[in-house]
């Protein structure tokens, strides 16, 4: 594993325990990794402003957020890809038309996270908005549905083949981003900026949105709690998120 110069980890179901905490063992292992000179980064579907609330002192070298919509190296933003205001309006109107006026939506961008649900939405720190006159760009839109055909129709409202849409394995939602705002596209942009090859990256994940990332990187590691689709394409597996699988793999293979 001497050729690994960058480690990228998903958060939910990967680095996080189920209660969204990060163990002291994981934090100390990441610290040792950084001391060795290997870069460490986050690669998550969470919005940046949401994800940083849970890092508990960890300061990653790189940060891929919003499902690939934004890439940061330190404080420098090197990549950003988002729906325009007009595209957001078209998608929202299509969602209400196709799925019904009571459809629950969410959107996120650099400024915040928004939802038209009045219920408590866990740790996500949403701002309530009815979306009837929402006029902001967005890196990611999510729809509370498991109907793939309806999501496909909504995605097509801004043109064929422009949107990447995937379900979440643990909640009945679909996420939509532009094709250029996936984790793998973000990693390619990051590697170009860092002047490294994707084979020098070890990545960890557990869900549908991690599949492209794990296939792209030199080491694509599935958590033991990952869905079967992720395990099938991974180059290896590690212990579950509850067992600090990322930290154990790093200690056994890179430290």
Protein backbone atom coordinates (compact mmCIF):
# COMPACT_ATOMS: atom_id res chain seq x y z
CA UNK A 1 0.00 0.00 0.00
CA UNK A 2 3.03 2.30 -0.28
CA UNK A 3 1.51 4.01 -3.32
CA UNK A 4 -1.52 5.40 -1.38
CA UNK A 5 -1.10 9.15 -0.93
CA UNK A 6 -4.73 10.12 -0.22
CA UNK A 7 -7.49 8.52 1.85
CA UNK A 8 -11.12 9.55 1.25
CA UNK A 9 -13.96 8.47 3.53
CA UNK A 10 -17.70 8.77 3.38
CA UNK A 11 -19.36 9.85 6.64
CA UNK A 12 -22.74 8.24 7.32
CA UNK A 13 -22.39 4.49 7.66
CA UNK A 14 -18.63 4.77 7.19
CA UNK A 15 -16.57 7.04 9.45
CA UNK A 16 -19.54 7.91 11.66
CA UNK A 17 -20.94 5.53 14.22
CA UNK A 18 -24.72 5.16 13.90
CA UNK A 19 -25.21 8.03 16.37
CA UNK A 20 -23.08 10.30 14.08
CA UNK A 21 -20.14 10.28 16.51
CA UNK A 22 -16.49 9.60 15.63
CA UNK A 23 -14.57 7.44 18.07
CA UNK A 24 -11.40 8.61 19.77
CA UNK A 25 -9.64 5.62 18.21
CA UNK A 26 -10.61 6.80 14.71
CA UNK A 27 -9.53 10.37 15.47
CA UNK A 28 -6.12 9.24 16.76
CA UNK A 29 -5.63 6.92 13.78
CA UNK A 30 -6.38 9.76 11.35
CA UNK A 31 -3.90 11.95 13.25
CA UNK A 32 -1.21 9.29 12.83
CA UNK A 33 -2.02 8.99 9.13
CA UNK A 34 -1.55 12.72 8.67
CA UNK A 35 1.72 12.64 10.61
CA UNK A 36 2.95 9.99 8.20
CA UNK A 37 2.32 12.38 5.31
CA UNK A 38 -0.75 10.70 3.79
CA UNK A 39 -3.50 13.19 2.99
CA UNK A 40 -6.93 12.60 4.51
CA UNK A 41 -10.25 13.76 3.12
CA UNK A 42 -14.01 13.55 3.48
CA UNK A 43 -16.24 12.55 0.56
CA UNK A 44 -19.90 12.84 1.54
CA UNK A 45 -23.36 13.53 0.18
CA UNK A 46 -23.91 15.88 3.11
CA UNK A 47 -23.71 19.61 2.48
CA UNK A 48 -20.44 21.11 3.69
CA UNK A 49 -22.10 23.38 6.26
CA UNK A 50 -23.86 20.34 7.70
CA UNK A 51 -20.97 17.86 7.63
CA UNK A 52 -18.42 20.03 9.43
CA UNK A 53 -20.70 20.18 12.48
CA UNK A 54 -19.90 16.52 13.21
CA UNK A 55 -16.14 16.28 12.62
CA UNK A 56 -15.29 16.91 16.27
CA UNK A 57 -11.84 18.38 15.80
CA UNK A 58 -10.83 16.48 12.65
CA UNK A 59 -9.39 18.86 10.06
CA UNK A 60 -9.26 17.08 6.70
CA UNK A 61 -6.82 18.13 4.00
CA UNK A 62 -9.56 17.90 1.37
CA UNK A 63 -13.35 17.97 1.52
CA UNK A 64 -15.73 16.69 -1.14
CA UNK A 65 -19.28 17.61 -0.17
CA UNK A 66 -22.81 17.79 -1.57
CA UNK A 67 -22.39 14.41 -3.28
CA UNK A 68 -19.56 15.77 -5.42
CA UNK A 69 -20.95 19.25 -5.98
CA UNK A 70 -18.06 20.98 -4.23
CA UNK A 71 -14.39 20.22 -3.61
CA UNK A 72 -12.17 22.07 -1.16
CA UNK A 73 -8.44 21.76 -0.51
CA UNK A 74 -8.04 23.40 2.86
CA UNK A 75 -9.93 26.68 2.58
CA UNK A 76 -9.63 26.85 -1.22
CA UNK A 77 -12.66 25.85 -3.29
CA UNK A 78 -11.32 24.14 -6.43
CA UNK A 79 -14.48 22.66 -7.94
CA UNK A 80 -18.16 23.53 -7.87
CA UNK A 81 -21.05 22.18 -9.90
CA UNK A 82 -24.68 23.08 -9.28
CA UNK A 83 -28.10 23.48 -10.82
CA UNK A 84 -28.87 27.03 -11.95
CA UNK A 85 -31.79 28.96 -10.49
CA UNK A 86 -33.86 28.22 -13.60
CA UNK A 87 -33.01 24.51 -13.47
CA UNK A 88 -33.97 24.34 -9.79
CA UNK A 89 -37.32 26.00 -10.51
CA UNK A 90 -37.99 23.58 -13.39
CA UNK A 91 -37.15 20.53 -11.26
CA UNK A 92 -39.24 21.67 -8.30
CA UNK A 93 -42.25 22.40 -10.49
CA UNK A 94 -41.85 19.02 -12.22
CA UNK A 95 -41.66 17.26 -8.83
CA UNK A 96 -44.88 18.84 -7.62
CA UNK A 97 -46.61 18.11 -10.94
CA UNK A 98 -45.46 14.47 -11.21
CA UNK A 99 -45.42 13.40 -7.54
CA UNK A 100 -48.15 15.67 -6.22
CA UNK A 101 -48.37 19.03 -4.41
CA UNK A 102 -47.63 17.48 -1.01
CA UNK A 103 -44.33 15.95 -2.12
CA UNK A 104 -41.50 16.45 0.36
CA UNK A 105 -38.35 17.94 -1.16
CA UNK A 106 -34.98 19.11 0.05
CA UNK A 107 -32.25 21.22 -1.53
CA UNK A 108 -28.79 22.29 -0.48
CA UNK A 109 -26.23 24.83 -1.62
CA UNK A 110 -23.35 26.79 -0.09
CA UNK A 111 -25.70 28.93 2.02
CA UNK A 112 -27.89 26.29 3.60
CA UNK A 113 -30.12 23.24 3.57
CA UNK A 114 -33.81 23.60 2.85
CA UNK A 115 -36.89 21.39 3.12
CA UNK A 116 -40.66 21.78 2.90
CA UNK A 117 -41.17 19.29 5.73
CA UNK A 118 -42.37 20.82 8.98
CA UNK A 119 -41.35 17.72 10.90
CA UNK A 120 -38.05 17.40 12.75
CA UNK A 121 -35.54 16.02 10.26
CA UNK A 122 -32.93 14.61 12.61
CA UNK A 123 -29.46 16.14 12.54
CA UNK A 124 -29.71 17.85 9.19
CA UNK A 125 -30.28 21.44 10.39
CA UNK A 126 -32.82 22.22 7.67
CA UNK A 127 -34.40 25.60 7.07
CA UNK A 128 -38.11 25.30 6.36
CA UNK A 129 -39.29 26.66 3.02
CA UNK A 130 -42.36 25.79 0.94
CA UNK A 131 -40.37 25.94 -2.36
CA UNK A 132 -43.19 27.83 -4.09
CA UNK A 133 -40.85 30.73 -4.81
CA UNK A 134 -37.43 29.23 -4.07
CA UNK A 135 -34.95 30.98 -6.35
CA UNK A 136 -31.45 29.83 -5.52
CA UNK A 137 -28.96 27.50 -7.19
CA UNK A 138 -28.59 24.05 -5.63
CA UNK A 139 -25.93 21.37 -5.71
CA UNK A 140 -28.34 18.61 -4.79
CA UNK A 141 -32.10 18.10 -4.81
CA UNK A 142 -33.77 15.20 -2.99
CA UNK A 143 -37.30 13.81 -3.32
CA UNK A 144 -39.13 11.63 -0.81
CA UNK A 145 -40.15 8.78 -3.10
CA UNK A 146 -39.03 5.32 -4.16
CA UNK A 147 -40.66 5.61 -7.60
CA UNK A 148 -37.69 5.52 -9.97
CA UNK A 149 -39.85 6.17 -13.03
CA UNK A 150 -41.24 9.39 -11.56
CA UNK A 151 -37.76 10.54 -10.59
CA UNK A 152 -36.62 9.82 -14.14
CA UNK A 153 -39.44 11.99 -15.50
CA UNK A 154 -38.51 14.82 -13.13
CA UNK A 155 -34.85 14.58 -14.12
CA UNK A 156 -35.76 14.73 -17.81
CA UNK A 157 -37.49 18.08 -17.29
CA UNK A 158 -34.16 19.92 -17.76
CA UNK A 159 -33.07 17.74 -20.68
CA UNK A 160 -32.16 14.11 -21.31
CA UNK A 161 -29.06 12.62 -19.74
CA UNK A 162 -28.05 15.64 -17.68
CA UNK A 163 -28.86 14.35 -14.20
CA UNK A 164 -27.41 11.61 -12.05
CA UNK A 165 -30.07 10.22 -9.70
CA UNK A 166 -29.69 7.50 -7.07
CA UNK A 167 -31.72 6.19 -4.12
CA UNK A 168 -30.53 6.08 -0.53
CA UNK A 169 -30.45 2.59 0.97
CA UNK A 170 -31.66 3.60 4.44
CA UNK A 171 -34.37 6.20 3.73
CA UNK A 172 -37.14 6.40 1.07
CA UNK A 173 -35.55 9.23 -0.89
CA UNK A 174 -33.85 9.82 -4.23
CA UNK A 175 -31.10 12.39 -4.73
CA UNK A 176 -30.48 14.29 -7.95
CA UNK A 177 -27.30 16.05 -9.04
CA UNK A 178 -25.85 17.09 -12.35
CA UNK A 179 -23.76 14.38 -14.04
CA UNK A 180 -20.67 16.45 -13.28
CA UNK A 181 -21.47 16.58 -9.56
CA UNK A 182 -20.84 12.95 -8.58
CA UNK A 183 -18.21 11.76 -6.14
CA UNK A 184 -16.13 10.23 -8.91
CA UNK A 185 -16.13 13.43 -11.00
CA UNK A 186 -15.10 15.38 -7.91
CA UNK A 187 -12.25 12.95 -7.21
CA UNK A 188 -10.98 13.27 -10.77
CA UNK A 189 -10.91 17.07 -10.38
CA UNK A 190 -9.18 16.74 -7.02
CA UNK A 191 -6.52 14.35 -8.29
CA UNK A 192 -5.81 16.64 -11.24
CA UNK A 193 -5.29 19.57 -8.87
CA UNK A 194 -3.07 17.52 -6.52
CA UNK A 195 -1.18 16.03 -9.48
CA UNK A 196 -1.79 12.46 -8.32
CA UNK A 197 -3.41 9.47 -10.00
CA UNK A 198 -6.67 7.91 -8.85
CA UNK A 199 -4.79 4.65 -8.21
CA UNK A 200 -3.05 6.49 -5.35
CA UNK A 201 -6.39 6.96 -3.55
CA UNK A 202 -7.96 4.64 -0.99
CA UNK A 203 -11.70 5.29 -0.59
CA UNK A 204 -14.27 3.94 1.87
CA UNK A 205 -18.05 3.80 1.49
CA UNK A 206 -21.27 1.94 2.10
CA UNK A 207 -24.11 3.17 -0.13
CA UNK A 208 -25.20 3.59 -3.76
CA UNK A 209 -23.52 7.00 -4.16
CA UNK A 210 -20.17 5.43 -3.21
CA UNK A 211 -20.09 2.81 -5.98
CA UNK A 212 -18.50 5.02 -8.64
CA UNK A 213 -15.96 6.33 -6.13
CA UNK A 214 -14.86 2.85 -5.04
CA UNK A 215 -14.59 1.66 -8.64
CA UNK A 216 -12.47 4.68 -9.59
CA UNK A 217 -9.90 4.57 -6.79
CA UNK A 218 -6.90 2.30 -6.43
CA UNK A 219 -8.33 0.85 -3.24
CA UNK A 220 -12.12 0.89 -2.99
CA UNK A 221 -13.05 -0.47 0.43
CA UNK A 222 -16.60 -1.43 1.39
CA UNK A 223 -17.71 -1.28 4.99
CA UNK A 224 -18.97 -4.56 6.41
CA UNK A 225 -22.33 -2.80 6.87
CA UNK A 226 -22.39 -1.70 3.22
CA UNK A 227 -25.19 -2.70 0.88
CA UNK A 228 -24.49 -5.76 -1.30
CA UNK A 229 -24.16 -3.64 -4.44
CA UNK A 230 -21.18 -1.83 -2.88
CA UNK A 231 -19.52 -5.00 -1.61
CA UNK A 232 -19.75 -6.60 -5.06
CA UNK A 233 -17.66 -3.91 -6.75
CA UNK A 234 -15.22 -3.16 -3.90
CA UNK A 235 -11.57 -4.23 -4.01
CA UNK A 236 -11.78 -5.13 -0.32
CA UNK A 237 -13.88 -4.87 2.82
CA UNK A 238 -13.28 -3.72 6.38
CA UNK A 239 -15.11 -3.92 9.69
CA UNK A 240 -18.39 -2.05 10.09
CA UNK A 241 -18.75 1.62 10.96
CA UNK A 242 -19.75 0.66 14.50
CA UNK A 243 -16.48 -1.29 14.80
CA UNK A 244 -14.29 1.58 13.49
CA UNK A 245 -13.62 -0.31 10.28
CA UNK A 246 -11.89 2.61 8.54
CA UNK A 247 -9.43 3.12 11.39
CA UNK A 248 -8.63 -0.58 11.68
CA UNK A 249 -7.98 -0.84 7.91
CA UNK A 250 -5.73 2.24 7.99
CA UNK A 251 -3.77 0.88 10.92
CA UNK A 252 -3.32 -2.54 9.33
CA UNK A 253 -2.47 -1.34 5.82
CA UNK A 254 -1.00 2.17 5.94
CA UNK A 255 0.45 2.68 9.43
